[in-house]
């Protein structure tokens, strides 16, 4: 006889929690009680829920649980950035980063164990792909980070003010679980984070972008990184399926469909030395983004072993930034945070049991590249 798997209440949105209690023969208001205990009071057991009757607590313990990802390691950078490595049930681990900036505290959340997209400049992509994360594992990162900061006094006072789905993985490829987690983030019974303060970053999955604009009103960021198809095909392989002309049209549709006033889309652009940082690239970018309400975030490349790329020269970044601003594109340069603990953009790795064998192929290519370099050096001598 198999034991029925318990329902992890951590990953249920308000409608799902209400349905859960109705199926138990309980009133819907129980959902509000439990959501507050889990997300406001950070409860991890039913015994802590003092305004829930003993009989119901016993009943819940038999069919449900509150289980977040386990903290395997925590690092704190000299600039205050914090990184957690979370171990997941069934193997694998992911990384989550908190970035303090004055009164703002941004939590960078992962959505997959590894990543299937394989952007050429990203350390996460080189680890290959293992699996999608559950909604409980995604929102569990917010829950565990909140617990690290201690009990919440009220919704308006908490270190985590913003959440960005920019950690490991492509969120659009794990759409349903990411959507559920973001609904819990927005819900006042969850974390009460405003729609402008939740950002989903995608490398450009157009059908899901269109669907998201109908399902949930949150901010959107696009991992652009190149102003033409030839270069973007190399840097972001998903571009071969969804090229720039189609992607820009989808961005325009998304901006037209979301309701909050500040409907600009963030275009993320990693600055790679002598690859995408030349004056002609800046000119192409201005032309590409014409007519779309965007802001451009220039991201100095954060190196990792055998990356094959270098960070753009500071002078080139500043010149690129000036040209975009002078030509009507609101542009910022992201400050590199947490690089001393490998928590900066593009450096997240975790532990991935690679189902794609991409990590193995990449390591082989590094070995052959190194071997060829040694041979060339020997011949020159």
Foldseek 3Di string as FASTA:
>chain_A
DDQDDAAALLLFFLVRLLVVQVVVVHHSCVSLLVLLCCAQVVDFALVVSVVDDPVVSVVNVRRHGHDEFAFPDWDADPQGKIKTWTADPPGWIWMKIWDADVQEIEIAFEFFRAEQFQQLQFQSPLQAGFGTDALSHGLSVVSVVQVVVPHDPALVDGRHQAYEPQTGYACLVVPPSVLSNVSLCCDRSHRVHDQARYEYEHCFPLVSLLVCLVRDAHAYEHADAFLALVLCCNRGVCCVVVPLVNRLVSLQVSLVRHDDPLSAYEYEHEAWAPRQLDPVRLVSNLVSNPPGRYAYEYEFRQDDPPSVTHGHDPVSVVVSQVSCVVSPHHYDYDDFPDSVVLPGRSRIHIHHPHPPCSNVVVVVVSVVVVVVVVVVVVVVD
